Amino acid sequence: MDDATRAGSPLLRISHRCVGTTHVIEVAGEVDAATAPELGRAAGPEFVDPAVAGLVVDLTGVGFIDSAGLTMLARLHSRTRERGAAFTVVAATHAVKRALRITGLDELFTVASELDGDLRPE
């Protein structure tokens, strides 16, 4: 499934794809107070099958994330783990990696530096 879904803000682009039993949400732009709700909706049951074994939020294309975006990642982690699925964030930019490290979110969920072609859930 390569269901490209564009969020309402020109500052955020979101697309979806499935790799086996893992759902990948690819995000590009800025994740802040104005756009974080779009990310939350993109991970909702309208887009992500609740039966997936893993959810990957790929932030490779994100250059900025604020506390609202970080809070949304923590919520998505919680919702995903409640369903018994694995949750991974891909963070390639220094700004995003630093924000995850400073807040301790990198200890709450798996953070990868790149999107691995082998997306088996952990």
PDB file of N, CA and C in Angstrom:
ATOM      1  N   MET A   1       0.857  -1.171   0.000  1.00  0.00           N
ATOM      2  CA  MET A   1       0.000   0.000   0.000  1.00  0.00           C
ATOM      3  C   MET A   1       0.898   1.227   0.000  1.00  0.00           C
ATOM      4  N   ASP A   2       0.753   2.067  -0.971  1.00  0.00           N
ATOM      5  CA  ASP A   2       1.499   3.317  -1.008  1.00  0.00           C
ATOM      6  C   ASP A   2       0.474   4.434  -1.079  1.00  0.00           C
ATOM      7  N   ASP A   3      -0.241   4.604   0.004  1.00  0.00           N
ATOM      8  CA  ASP A   3      -1.353   5.532   0.089  1.00  0.00           C
ATOM      9  C   ASP A   3      -0.840   6.887   0.564  1.00  0.00           C
ATOM     10  N   ALA A   4      -0.380   7.717  -0.345  1.00  0.00           N
ATOM     11  CA  ALA A   4       0.175   9.019   0.027  1.00  0.00           C
ATOM     12  C   ALA A   4      -0.940   9.912   0.539  1.00  0.00           C
ATOM     13  N   THR A   5      -0.841  10.269   1.780  1.00  0.00           N
ATOM     14  CA  THR A   5      -1.832  11.104   2.428  1.00  0.00           C
ATOM     15  C   THR A   5      -1.182  12.417   2.792  1.00  0.00           C
ATOM     16  N   ARG A   6      -1.728  13.515   2.330  1.00  0.00           N
ATOM     17  CA  ARG A   6      -1.145  14.816   2.633  1.00  0.00           C
ATOM     18  C   ARG A   6      -1.897  15.434   3.792  1.00  0.00           C
ATOM     19  N   ALA A   7      -1.151  15.852   4.781  1.00  0.00           N
ATOM     20  CA  ALA A   7      -1.749  16.517   5.938  1.00  0.00           C
ATOM     21  C   ALA A   7      -2.227  17.900   5.537  1.00  0.00           C
ATOM     22  N   GLY A   8      -3.036  18.521   6.384  1.00  0.00           N
ATOM     23  CA  GLY A   8      -3.642  19.805   6.092  1.00  0.00           C
ATOM     24  C   GLY A   8      -2.686  20.973   6.072  1.00  0.00           C
ATOM     25  N   SER A   9      -1.540  20.853   6.654  1.00  0.00           N
ATOM     26  CA  SER A   9      -0.590  21.955   6.744  1.00  0.00           C
ATOM     27  C   SER A   9       0.463  21.830   5.655  1.00  0.00           C
ATOM     28  N   PRO A  10       0.813  22.964   5.023  1.00  0.00           N
ATOM     29  CA  PRO A  10       1.895  22.893   4.029  1.00  0.00           C
ATOM     30  C   PRO A  10       3.253  22.637   4.686  1.00  0.00           C
ATOM     31  N   LEU A  11       3.319  22.724   6.023  1.00  0.00           N
ATOM     32  CA  LEU A  11       4.570  22.484   6.741  1.00  0.00           C
ATOM     33  C   LEU A  11       4.794  21.013   7.063  1.00  0.00           C
ATOM     34  N   LEU A  12       3.796  20.167   6.755  1.00  0.00           N
ATOM     35  CA  LEU A  12       3.895  18.748   7.110  1.00  0.00           C
ATOM     36  C   LEU A  12       3.356  17.898   5.962  1.00  0.00           C
ATOM     37  N   ARG A  13       4.124  16.881   5.589  1.00  0.00           N
ATOM     38  CA  ARG A  13       3.688  15.918   4.595  1.00  0.00           C
ATOM     39  C   ARG A  13       3.759  14.536   5.237  1.00  0.00           C
ATOM     40  N   ILE A  14       2.686  13.781   5.064  1.00  0.00           N
ATOM     41  CA  ILE A  14       2.608  12.448   5.659  1.00  0.00           C
ATOM     42  C   ILE A  14       2.197  11.457   4.580  1.00  0.00           C
ATOM     43  N   SER A  15       2.900  10.332   4.535  1.00  0.00           N
ATOM     44  CA  SER A  15       2.501   9.255   3.631  1.00  0.00           C
ATOM     45  C   SER A  15       2.559   7.937   4.398  1.00  0.00           C
ATOM     46  N   HIS A  16       1.842   6.960   3.876  1.00  0.00           N
ATOM     47  CA  HIS A  16       1.716   5.654   4.521  1.00  0.00           C
ATOM     48  C   HIS A  16       2.160   4.562   3.560  1.00  0.00           C
ATOM     49  N   ARG A  17       2.723   3.508   4.148  1.00  0.00           N
ATOM     50  CA  ARG A  17       2.972   2.288   3.386  1.00  0.00           C
ATOM     51  C   ARG A  17       3.085   1.131   4.363  1.00  0.00           C
ATOM     52  N   CYS A  18       2.811  -0.052   3.865  1.00  0.00           N
ATOM     53  CA  CYS A  18       2.945  -1.259   4.678  1.00  0.00           C
ATOM     54  C   CYS A  18       4.076  -2.104   4.123  1.00  0.00           C
ATOM     55  N   VAL A  19       4.866  -2.643   5.033  1.00  0.00           N
ATOM     56  CA  VAL A  19       5.929  -3.573   4.690  1.00  0.00           C
ATOM     57  C   VAL A  19       5.667  -4.812   5.529  1.00  0.00           C
ATOM     58  N   GLY A  20       5.096  -5.812   4.907  1.00  0.00           N
ATOM     59  CA  GLY A  20       4.700  -6.998   5.645  1.00  0.00           C
ATOM     60  C   GLY A  20       3.637  -6.645   6.674  1.00  0.00           C
ATOM     61  N   THR A  21       3.922  -6.940   7.946  1.00  0.00           N
ATOM     62  CA  THR A  21       2.964  -6.649   9.014  1.00  0.00           C
ATOM     63  C   THR A  21       3.291  -5.343   9.739  1.00  0.00           C
ATOM     64  N   THR A  22       4.187  -4.541   9.148  1.00  0.00           N
ATOM     65  CA  THR A  22       4.586  -3.272   9.752  1.00  0.00           C
ATOM     66  C   THR A  22       4.030  -2.117   8.939  1.00  0.00           C
ATOM     67  N   HIS A  23       3.438  -1.162   9.626  1.00  0.00           N
ATOM     68  CA  HIS A  23       2.916   0.044   8.981  1.00  0.00           C
ATOM     69  C   HIS A  23       3.937   1.163   9.172  1.00  0.00           C
ATOM     70  N   VAL A  24       4.298   1.820   8.075  1.00  0.00           N
ATOM     71  CA  VAL A  24       5.272   2.904   8.113  1.00  0.00           C
ATOM     72  C   VAL A  24       4.558   4.218   7.799  1.00  0.00           C
ATOM     73  N   ILE A  25       4.723   5.178   8.701  1.00  0.00           N
ATOM     74  CA  ILE A  25       4.226   6.531   8.474  1.00  0.00           C
ATOM     75  C   ILE A  25       5.452   7.397   8.207  1.00  0.00           C
ATOM     76  N   GLU A  26       5.551   7.910   6.986  1.00  0.00           N
ATOM     77  CA  GLU A  26       6.684   8.768   6.622  1.00  0.00           C
ATOM     78  C   GLU A  26       6.260  10.218   6.779  1.00  0.00           C
ATOM     79  N   VAL A  27       7.055  10.971   7.535  1.00  0.00           N
ATOM     80  CA  VAL A  27       6.725  12.349   7.872  1.00  0.00           C
ATOM     81  C   VAL A  27       7.837  13.252   7.363  1.00  0.00           C
ATOM     82  N   ALA A  28       7.453  14.378   6.758  1.00  0.00           N
ATOM     83  CA  ALA A  28       8.438  15.356   6.302  1.00  0.00           C
ATOM     84  C   ALA A  28       7.924  16.751   6.638  1.00  0.00           C
ATOM     85  N   GLY A  29       8.831  17.612   7.045  1.00  0.00           N
ATOM     86  CA  GLY A  29       8.467  18.985   7.390  1.00  0.00           C
ATOM     87  C   GLY A  29       8.754  19.271   8.852  1.00  0.00           C
ATOM     88  N   GLU A  30       7.862  20.018   9.478  1.00  0.00           N
ATOM     89  CA  GLU A  30       8.006  20.401  10.880  1.00  0.00           C
ATOM     90  C   GLU A  30       6.876  19.801  11.703  1.00  0.00           C
ATOM     91  N   VAL A  31       7.232  19.190  12.837  1.00  0.00           N
ATOM     92  CA  VAL A  31       6.223  18.625  13.738  1.00  0.00           C
ATOM     93  C   VAL A  31       6.197  19.522  14.971  1.00  0.00           C
ATOM     94  N   ASP A  32       5.147  20.337  15.052  1.00  0.00           N
ATOM     95  CA  ASP A  32       5.033  21.300  16.144  1.00  0.00           C
ATOM     96  C   ASP A  32       3.586  21.350  16.620  1.00  0.00           C
ATOM     97  N   ALA A  33       3.262  22.337  17.438  1.00  0.00           N
ATOM     98  CA  ALA A  33       1.916  22.435  18.011  1.00  0.00           C
ATOM     99  C   ALA A  33       0.841  22.511  16.931  1.00  0.00           C
ATOM    100  N   ALA A  34       1.180  23.105  15.804  1.00  0.00           N
ATOM    101  CA  ALA A  34       0.191  23.249  14.726  1.00  0.00           C
ATOM    102  C   ALA A  34       0.017  21.963  13.924  1.00  0.00           C
ATOM    103  N   THR A  35       1.064  21.148  13.827  1.00  0.00           N
ATOM    104  CA  THR A  35       1.010  19.976  12.954  1.00  0.00           C
ATOM    105  C   THR A  35       0.961  18.640  13.692  1.00  0.00           C
ATOM    106  N   ALA A  36       1.299  18.605  14.967  1.00  0.00           N
ATOM    107  CA  ALA A  36       1.303  17.340  15.722  1.00  0.00           C
ATOM    108  C   ALA A  36      -0.050  16.625  15.684  1.00  0.00           C
ATOM    109  N   PRO A  37      -1.185  17.350  15.772  1.00  0.00           N
ATOM    110  CA  PRO A  37      -2.467  16.643  15.680  1.00  0.00           C
ATOM    111  C   PRO A  37      -2.647  15.889  14.361  1.00  0.00           C
ATOM    112  N   GLU A  38      -2.079  16.407  13.277  1.00  0.00           N
ATOM    113  CA  GLU A  38      -2.144  15.704  11.988  1.00  0.00           C
ATOM    114  C   GLU A  38      -1.418  14.367  12.073  1.00  0.00           C
ATOM    115  N   LEU A  39      -0.276  14.363  12.743  1.00  0.00           N
ATOM    116  CA  LEU A  39       0.460  13.122  12.933  1.00  0.00           C
ATOM    117  C   LEU A  39      -0.378  12.131  13.741  1.00  0.00           C
ATOM    118  N   GLY A  40      -1.031  12.617  14.777  1.00  0.00           N
ATOM    119  CA  GLY A  40      -1.891  11.753  15.584  1.00  0.00           C
ATOM    120  C   GLY A  40      -3.019  11.149  14.773  1.00  0.00           C
ATOM    121  N   ARG A  41      -3.652  11.971  13.929  1.00  0.00           N
ATOM    122  CA  ARG A  41      -4.738  11.465  13.081  1.00  0.00           C
ATOM    123  C   ARG A  41      -4.202  10.460  12.066  1.00  0.00           C
ATOM    124  N   ALA A  42      -2.991  10.694  11.567  1.00  0.00           N
ATOM    125  CA  ALA A  42      -2.406   9.797  10.570  1.00  0.00           C
ATOM    126  C   ALA A  42      -2.148   8.406  11.128  1.00  0.00           C
ATOM    127  N   ALA A  43      -2.032   8.291  12.443  1.00  0.00           N
ATOM    128  CA  ALA A  43      -1.801   6.992  13.079  1.00  0.00           C
ATOM    129  C   ALA A  43      -3.091   6.395  13.616  1.00  0.00           C
ATOM    130  N   GLY A  44      -4.207   7.014  13.303  1.00  0.00           N
ATOM    131  CA  GLY A  44      -5.499   6.531  13.781  1.00  0.00           C
ATOM    132  C   GLY A  44      -5.984   5.317  13.009  1.00  0.00           C
ATOM    133  N   PRO A  45      -7.059   4.694  13.481  1.00  0.00           N
ATOM    134  CA  PRO A  45      -7.554   3.462  12.865  1.00  0.00           C
ATOM    135  C   PRO A  45      -8.057   3.652  11.429  1.00  0.00           C
ATOM    136  N   GLU A  46      -8.323   4.890  11.012  1.00  0.00           N
ATOM    137  CA  GLU A  46      -8.750   5.115   9.629  1.00  0.00           C
ATOM    138  C   GLU A  46      -7.610   4.812   8.657  1.00  0.00           C
ATOM    139  N   PHE A  47      -6.371   4.960   9.132  1.00  0.00           N
ATOM    140  CA  PHE A  47      -5.201   4.763   8.278  1.00  0.00           C
ATOM    141  C   PHE A  47      -4.399   3.525   8.653  1.00  0.00           C
ATOM    142  N   VAL A  48      -4.284   3.244   9.939  1.00  0.00           N
ATOM    143  CA  VAL A  48      -3.430   2.153  10.414  1.00  0.00           C
ATOM    144  C   VAL A  48      -4.301   1.022  10.940  1.00  0.00           C
ATOM    145  N   ASP A  49      -4.169  -0.144  10.323  1.00  0.00           N
ATOM    146  CA  ASP A  49      -4.906  -1.326  10.757  1.00  0.00           C
ATOM    147  C   ASP A  49      -4.489  -1.671  12.180  1.00  0.00           C
ATOM    148  N   PRO A  50      -5.431  -1.758  13.102  1.00  0.00           N
ATOM    149  CA  PRO A  50      -5.082  -2.086  14.495  1.00  0.00           C
ATOM    150  C   PRO A  50      -4.404  -3.445  14.651  1.00  0.00           C
ATOM    151  N   ALA A  51      -4.465  -4.283  13.632  1.00  0.00           N
ATOM    152  CA  ALA A  51      -3.868  -5.616  13.725  1.00  0.00           C
ATOM    153  C   ALA A  51      -2.396  -5.650  13.295  1.00  0.00           C
ATOM    154  N   VAL A  52      -1.817  -4.509  12.914  1.00  0.00           N
ATOM    155  CA  VAL A  52      -0.415  -4.533  12.495  1.00  0.00           C
ATOM    156  C   VAL A  52       0.472  -4.946  13.665  1.00  0.00           C
ATOM    157  N   ALA A  53       1.590  -5.582  13.332  1.00  0.00           N
ATOM    158  CA  ALA A  53       2.516  -6.032  14.367  1.00  0.00           C
ATOM    159  C   ALA A  53       3.491  -4.942  14.775  1.00  0.00           C
ATOM    160  N   GLY A  54       3.631  -3.913  13.941  1.00  0.00           N
ATOM    161  CA  GLY A  54       4.561  -2.838  14.263  1.00  0.00           C
ATOM    162  C   GLY A  54       4.188  -1.545  13.570  1.00  0.00           C
ATOM    163  N   LEU A  55       4.529  -0.446  14.226  1.00  0.00           N
ATOM    164  CA  LEU A  55       4.329   0.883  13.654  1.00  0.00           C
ATOM    165  C   LEU A  55       5.674   1.593  13.666  1.00  0.00           C
ATOM    166  N   VAL A  56       6.064   2.105  12.508  1.00  0.00           N
ATOM    167  CA  VAL A  56       7.300   2.878  12.377  1.00  0.00           C
ATOM    168  C   VAL A  56       6.912   4.290  11.974  1.00  0.00           C
ATOM    169  N   VAL A  57       7.377   5.274  12.734  1.00  0.00           N
ATOM    170  CA  VAL A  57       7.197   6.676  12.373  1.00  0.00           C
ATOM    171  C   VAL A  57       8.546   7.157  11.865  1.00  0.00           C
ATOM    172  N   ASP A  58       8.620   7.372  10.565  1.00  0.00           N
ATOM    173  CA  ASP A  58       9.871   7.749   9.913  1.00  0.00           C
ATOM    174  C   ASP A  58       9.955   9.274   9.851  1.00  0.00           C
ATOM    175  N   LEU A  59      10.824   9.840  10.695  1.00  0.00           N
ATOM    176  CA  LEU A  59      11.005  11.288  10.766  1.00  0.00           C
ATOM    177  C   LEU A  59      12.248  11.747  10.002  1.00  0.00           C
ATOM    178  N   THR A  60      12.706  10.923   9.066  1.00  0.00           N
ATOM    179  CA  THR A  60      13.907  11.263   8.296  1.00  0.00           C
ATOM    180  C   THR A  60      13.784  12.638   7.647  1.00  0.00           C
ATOM    181  N   GLY A  61      12.603  12.988   7.184  1.00  0.00           N
ATOM    182  CA  GLY A  61      12.390  14.264   6.508  1.00  0.00           C
ATOM    183  C   GLY A  61      11.982  15.395   7.426  1.00  0.00           C
ATOM    184  N   VAL A  62      12.100  15.197   8.732  1.00  0.00           N
ATOM    185  CA  VAL A  62      11.702  16.226   9.706  1.00  0.00           C
ATOM    186  C   VAL A  62      12.939  16.983  10.171  1.00  0.00           C
ATOM    187  N   GLY A  63      12.895  18.294  10.034  1.00  0.00           N
ATOM    188  CA  GLY A  63      14.010  19.126  10.459  1.00  0.00           C
ATOM    189  C   GLY A  63      13.794  19.787  11.800  1.00  0.00           C
ATOM    190  N   PHE A  64      12.530  19.782  12.265  1.00  0.00           N
ATOM    191  CA  PHE A  64      12.203  20.446  13.532  1.00  0.00           C
ATOM    192  C   PHE A  64      11.071  19.700  14.207  1.00  0.00           C
ATOM    193  N   ILE A  65      11.209  19.505  15.528  1.00  0.00           N
ATOM    194  CA  ILE A  65      10.132  18.917  16.327  1.00  0.00           C
ATOM    195  C   ILE A  65      10.122  19.632  17.668  1.00  0.00           C
ATOM    196  N   ASP A  66       8.935  20.042  18.127  1.00  0.00           N
ATOM    197  CA  ASP A  66       8.837  20.720  19.420  1.00  0.00           C
ATOM    198  C   ASP A  66       8.172  19.807  20.446  1.00  0.00           C
ATOM    199  N   SER A  67       7.858  20.361  21.603  1.00  0.00           N
ATOM    200  CA  SER A  67       7.307  19.548  22.692  1.00  0.00           C
ATOM    201  C   SER A  67       5.966  18.917  22.313  1.00  0.00           C
ATOM    202  N   ALA A  68       5.164  19.586  21.500  1.00  0.00           N
ATOM    203  CA  ALA A  68       3.890  18.999  21.068  1.00  0.00           C
ATOM    204  C   ALA A  68       4.138  17.775  20.186  1.00  0.00           C
ATOM    205  N   GLY A  69       5.128  17.847  19.323  1.00  0.00           N
ATOM    206  CA  GLY A  69       5.473  16.711  18.489  1.00  0.00           C
ATOM    207  C   GLY A  69       6.035  15.560  19.299  1.00  0.00           C
ATOM    208  N   LEU A  70       6.865  15.871  20.274  1.00  0.00           N
ATOM    209  CA  LEU A  70       7.424  14.840  21.150  1.00  0.00           C
ATOM    210  C   LEU A  70       6.337  14.177  21.989  1.00  0.00           C
ATOM    211  N   THR A  71       5.404  14.985  22.479  1.00  0.00           N
ATOM    212  CA  THR A  71       4.278  14.438  23.238  1.00  0.00           C
ATOM    213  C   THR A  71       3.445  13.512  22.368  1.00  0.00           C
ATOM    214  N   MET A  72       3.244  13.892  21.107  1.00  0.00           N
ATOM    215  CA  MET A  72       2.471  13.038  20.201  1.00  0.00           C
ATOM    216  C   MET A  72       3.187  11.712  19.972  1.00  0.00           C
ATOM    217  N   LEU A  73       4.504  11.731  19.843  1.00  0.00           N
ATOM    218  CA  LEU A  73       5.237  10.468  19.691  1.00  0.00           C
ATOM    219  C   LEU A  73       5.050   9.581  20.919  1.00  0.00           C
ATOM    220  N   ALA A  74       5.093  10.168  22.108  1.00  0.00           N
ATOM    221  CA  ALA A  74       4.876   9.391  23.335  1.00  0.00           C
ATOM    222  C   ALA A  74       3.467   8.796  23.350  1.00  0.00           C
ATOM    223  N   ARG A  75       2.479   9.553  22.905  1.00  0.00           N
ATOM    224  CA  ARG A  75       1.096   9.036  22.841  1.00  0.00           C
ATOM    225  C   ARG A  75       0.975   7.904  21.839  1.00  0.00           C
ATOM    226  N   LEU A  76       1.602   8.087  20.669  1.00  0.00           N
ATOM    227  CA  LEU A  76       1.545   7.032  19.653  1.00  0.00           C
ATOM    228  C   LEU A  76       2.221   5.764  20.162  1.00  0.00           C
ATOM    229  N   HIS A  77       3.338   5.932  20.859  1.00  0.00           N
ATOM    230  CA  HIS A  77       4.014   4.776  21.471  1.00  0.00           C
ATOM    231  C   HIS A  77       3.071   4.061  22.426  1.00  0.00           C
ATOM    232  N   SER A  78       2.418   4.808  23.286  1.00  0.00           N
ATOM    233  CA  SER A  78       1.518   4.224  24.270  1.00  0.00           C
ATOM    234  C   SER A  78       0.364   3.479  23.594  1.00  0.00           C
ATOM    235  N   ARG A  79      -0.264   4.119  22.611  1.00  0.00           N
ATOM    236  CA  ARG A  79      -1.390   3.482  21.905  1.00  0.00           C
ATOM    237  C   ARG A  79      -0.944   2.217  21.184  1.00  0.00           C
ATOM    238  N   THR A  80       0.223   2.279  20.574  1.00  0.00           N
ATOM    239  CA  THR A  80       0.726   1.134  19.817  1.00  0.00           C
ATOM    240  C   THR A  80       1.068  -0.023  20.749  1.00  0.00           C
ATOM    241  N   ARG A  81       1.731   0.268  21.847  1.00  0.00           N
ATOM    242  CA  ARG A  81       2.113  -0.780  22.799  1.00  0.00           C
ATOM    243  C   ARG A  81       0.885  -1.384  23.484  1.00  0.00           C
ATOM    244  N   GLU A  82      -0.159  -0.574  23.732  1.00  0.00           N
ATOM    245  CA  GLU A  82      -1.394  -1.112  24.318  1.00  0.00           C
ATOM    246  C   GLU A  82      -1.999  -2.193  23.434  1.00  0.00           C
ATOM    247  N   ARG A  83      -1.801  -2.079  22.129  1.00  0.00           N
ATOM    248  CA  ARG A  83      -2.305  -3.085  21.190  1.00  0.00           C
ATOM    249  C   ARG A  83      -1.336  -4.258  21.053  1.00  0.00           C
ATOM    250  N   GLY A  84      -0.193  -4.176  21.729  1.00  0.00           N
ATOM    251  CA  GLY A  84       0.786  -5.249  21.671  1.00  0.00           C
ATOM    252  C   GLY A  84       1.702  -5.188  20.459  1.00  0.00           C
ATOM    253  N   ALA A  85       1.746  -4.036  19.805  1.00  0.00           N
ATOM    254  CA  ALA A  85       2.577  -3.881  18.614  1.00  0.00           C
ATOM    255  C   ALA A  85       3.881  -3.166  18.968  1.00  0.00           C
ATOM    256  N   ALA A  86       4.892  -3.374  18.151  1.00  0.00           N
ATOM    257  CA  ALA A  86       6.181  -2.704  18.317  1.00  0.00           C
ATOM    258  C   ALA A  86       6.078  -1.272  17.797  1.00  0.00           C
ATOM    259  N   PHE A  87       6.867  -0.375  18.378  1.00  0.00           N
ATOM    260  CA  PHE A  87       6.871   1.035  17.975  1.00  0.00           C
ATOM    261  C   PHE A  87       8.313   1.487  17.790  1.00  0.00           C
ATOM    262  N   THR A  88       8.595   2.064  16.633  1.00  0.00           N
ATOM    263  CA  THR A  88       9.938   2.541  16.317  1.00  0.00           C
ATOM    264  C   THR A  88       9.844   3.914  15.675  1.00  0.00           C
ATOM    265  N   VAL A  89      10.783   4.770  16.020  1.00  0.00           N
ATOM    266  CA  VAL A  89      10.914   6.079  15.379  1.00  0.00           C
ATOM    267  C   VAL A  89      12.249   6.094  14.641  1.00  0.00           C
ATOM    268  N   VAL A  90      12.221   6.562  13.400  1.00  0.00           N
ATOM    269  CA  VAL A  90      13.445   6.749  12.636  1.00  0.00           C
ATOM    270  C   VAL A  90      13.768   8.235  12.679  1.00  0.00           C
ATOM    271  N   ALA A  91      14.928   8.555  13.222  1.00  0.00           N
ATOM    272  CA  ALA A  91      15.354   9.957  13.362  1.00  0.00           C
ATOM    273  C   ALA A  91      16.731  10.096  12.729  1.00  0.00           C
ATOM    274  N   ALA A  92      16.809  10.882  11.659  1.00  0.00           N
ATOM    275  CA  ALA A  92      18.075  11.032  10.948  1.00  0.00           C
ATOM    276  C   ALA A  92      18.734  12.382  11.205  1.00  0.00           C
ATOM    277  N   THR A  93      17.937  13.406  11.498  1.00  0.00           N
ATOM    278  CA  THR A  93      18.522  14.739  11.660  1.00  0.00           C
ATOM    279  C   THR A  93      19.003  14.948  13.093  1.00  0.00           C
ATOM    280  N   HIS A  94      20.023  15.763  13.216  1.00  0.00           N
ATOM    281  CA  HIS A  94      20.591  16.061  14.529  1.00  0.00           C
ATOM    282  C   HIS A  94      19.539  16.658  15.463  1.00  0.00           C
ATOM    283  N   ALA A  95      18.723  17.573  14.945  1.00  0.00           N
ATOM    284  CA  ALA A  95      17.728  18.253  15.791  1.00  0.00           C
ATOM    285  C   ALA A  95      16.729  17.266  16.389  1.00  0.00           C
ATOM    286  N   VAL A  96      16.258  16.326  15.585  1.00  0.00           N
ATOM    287  CA  VAL A  96      15.273  15.357  16.077  1.00  0.00           C
ATOM    288  C   VAL A  96      15.930  14.380  17.044  1.00  0.00           C
ATOM    289  N   LYS A  97      17.110  13.877  16.698  1.00  0.00           N
ATOM    290  CA  LYS A  97      17.820  12.956  17.606  1.00  0.00           C
ATOM    291  C   LYS A  97      18.085  13.623  18.952  1.00  0.00           C
ATOM    292  N   ARG A  98      18.508  14.873  18.902  1.00  0.00           N
ATOM    293  CA  ARG A  98      18.819  15.608  20.134  1.00  0.00           C
ATOM    294  C   ARG A  98      17.574  15.782  20.998  1.00  0.00           C
ATOM    295  N   ALA A  99      16.452  16.146  20.376  1.00  0.00           N
ATOM    296  CA  ALA A  99      15.204  16.326  21.123  1.00  0.00           C
ATOM    297  C   ALA A  99      14.775  15.020  21.787  1.00  0.00           C
ATOM    298  N   LEU A 100      14.897  13.909  21.074  1.00  0.00           N
ATOM    299  CA  LEU A 100      14.535  12.607  21.647  1.00  0.00           C
ATOM    300  C   LEU A 100      15.469  12.235  22.795  1.00  0.00           C
ATOM    301  N   ARG A 101      16.748  12.544  22.648  1.00  0.00           N
ATOM    302  CA  ARG A 101      17.731  12.224  23.696  1.00  0.00           C
ATOM    303  C   ARG A 101      17.511  13.090  24.940  1.00  0.00           C
ATOM    304  N   ILE A 102      17.342  14.391  24.752  1.00  0.00           N
ATOM    305  CA  ILE A 102      17.182  15.316  25.884  1.00  0.00           C
ATOM    306  C   ILE A 102      15.943  14.977  26.709  1.00  0.00           C
ATOM    307  N   THR A 103      14.869  14.585  26.037  1.00  0.00           N
ATOM    308  CA  THR A 103      13.616  14.280  26.739  1.00  0.00           C
ATOM    309  C   THR A 103      13.565  12.861  27.290  1.00  0.00           C
ATOM    310  N   GLY A 104      14.540  12.031  26.910  1.00  0.00           N
ATOM    311  CA  GLY A 104      14.546  10.650  27.379  1.00  0.00           C
ATOM    312  C   GLY A 104      13.637   9.734  26.577  1.00  0.00           C
ATOM    313  N   LEU A 105      13.006  10.254  25.530  1.00  0.00           N
ATOM    314  CA  LEU A 105      12.133   9.410  24.720  1.00  0.00           C
ATOM    315  C   LEU A 105      12.911   8.310  24.021  1.00  0.00           C
ATOM    316  N   ASP A 106      14.195   8.537  23.777  1.00  0.00           N
ATOM    317  CA  ASP A 106      15.014   7.495  23.144  1.00  0.00           C
ATOM    318  C   ASP A 106      15.184   6.282  24.059  1.00  0.00           C
ATOM    319  N   GLU A 107      14.826   6.427  25.319  1.00  0.00           N
ATOM    320  CA  GLU A 107      14.855   5.290  26.248  1.00  0.00           C
ATOM    321  C   GLU A 107      13.481   4.650  26.399  1.00  0.00           C
ATOM    322  N   LEU A 108      12.441   5.373  25.973  1.00  0.00           N
ATOM    323  CA  LEU A 108      11.076   4.855  26.052  1.00  0.00           C
ATOM    324  C   LEU A 108      10.770   3.926  24.883  1.00  0.00           C
ATOM    325  N   PHE A 109      11.223   4.306  23.698  1.00  0.00           N
ATOM    326  CA  PHE A 109      10.966   3.494  22.512  1.00  0.00           C
ATOM    327  C   PHE A 109      12.221   3.408  21.653  1.00  0.00           C
ATOM    328  N   THR A 110      12.183   2.488  20.698  1.00  0.00           N
ATOM    329  CA  THR A 110      13.314   2.268  19.801  1.00  0.00           C
ATOM    330  C   THR A 110      13.461   3.452  18.852  1.00  0.00           C
ATOM    331  N   VAL A 111      14.697   3.958  18.753  1.00  0.00           N
ATOM    332  CA  VAL A 111      15.013   5.023  17.801  1.00  0.00           C
ATOM    333  C   VAL A 111      16.106   4.499  16.883  1.00  0.00           C
ATOM    334  N   ALA A 112      15.830   4.516  15.591  1.00  0.00           N
ATOM    335  CA  ALA A 112      16.797   4.072  14.587  1.00  0.00           C
ATOM    336  C   ALA A 112      17.284   5.283  13.797  1.00  0.00           C
ATOM    337  N   SER A 113      18.490   5.192  13.274  1.00  0.00           N
ATOM    338  CA  SER A 113      19.058   6.292  12.485  1.00  0.00           C
ATOM    339  C   SER A 113      18.619   6.266  11.033  1.00  0.00           C
ATOM    340  N   GLU A 114      18.191   5.096  10.579  1.00  0.00           N
ATOM    341  CA  GLU A 114      17.710   4.988   9.202  1.00  0.00           C
ATOM    342  C   GLU A 114      16.636   3.929   9.130  1.00  0.00           C
ATOM    343  N   LEU A 115      15.854   4.016   8.078  1.00  0.00           N
ATOM    344  CA  LEU A 115      14.778   3.053   7.872  1.00  0.00           C
ATOM    345  C   LEU A 115      15.382   1.784   7.305  1.00  0.00           C
ATOM    346  N   ASP A 116      15.398   0.753   8.117  1.00  0.00           N
ATOM    347  CA  ASP A 116      15.970  -0.528   7.736  1.00  0.00           C
ATOM    348  C   ASP A 116      15.027  -1.219   6.759  1.00  0.00           C
ATOM    349  N   GLY A 117      15.574  -1.817   5.746  1.00  0.00           N
ATOM    350  CA  GLY A 117      14.750  -2.535   4.781  1.00  0.00           C
ATOM    351  C   GLY A 117      14.041  -3.722   5.405  1.00  0.00           C
ATOM    352  N   ASP A 118      14.579  -4.249   6.487  1.00  0.00           N
ATOM    353  CA  ASP A 118      14.000  -5.393   7.185  1.00  0.00           C
ATOM    354  C   ASP A 118      13.212  -4.857   8.379  1.00  0.00           C
ATOM    355  N   LEU A 119      11.917  -4.698   8.216  1.00  0.00           N
ATOM    356  CA  LEU A 119      11.106  -4.054   9.244  1.00  0.00           C
ATOM    357  C   LEU A 119      10.325  -5.040  10.092  1.00  0.00           C
ATOM    358  N   ARG A 120      10.948  -6.130  10.455  1.00  0.00           N
ATOM    359  CA  ARG A 120      10.259  -7.075  11.346  1.00  0.00           C
ATOM    360  C   ARG A 120      10.067  -6.440  12.705  1.00  0.00           C
ATOM    361  N   PRO A 121       8.885  -6.591  13.295  1.00  0.00           N
ATOM    362  CA  PRO A 121       8.653  -6.048  14.635  1.00  0.00           C
ATOM    363  C   PRO A 121       9.565  -6.702  15.655  1.00  0.00           C
ATOM    364  N   GLU A 122       9.956  -5.918  16.672  1.00  0.00           N
ATOM    365  CA  GLU A 122      10.802  -6.444  17.751  1.00  0.00           C
ATOM    366  C   GLU A 122       9.974  -7.159  18.778  1.00  0.00           C
TER     367      GLU A 122
END
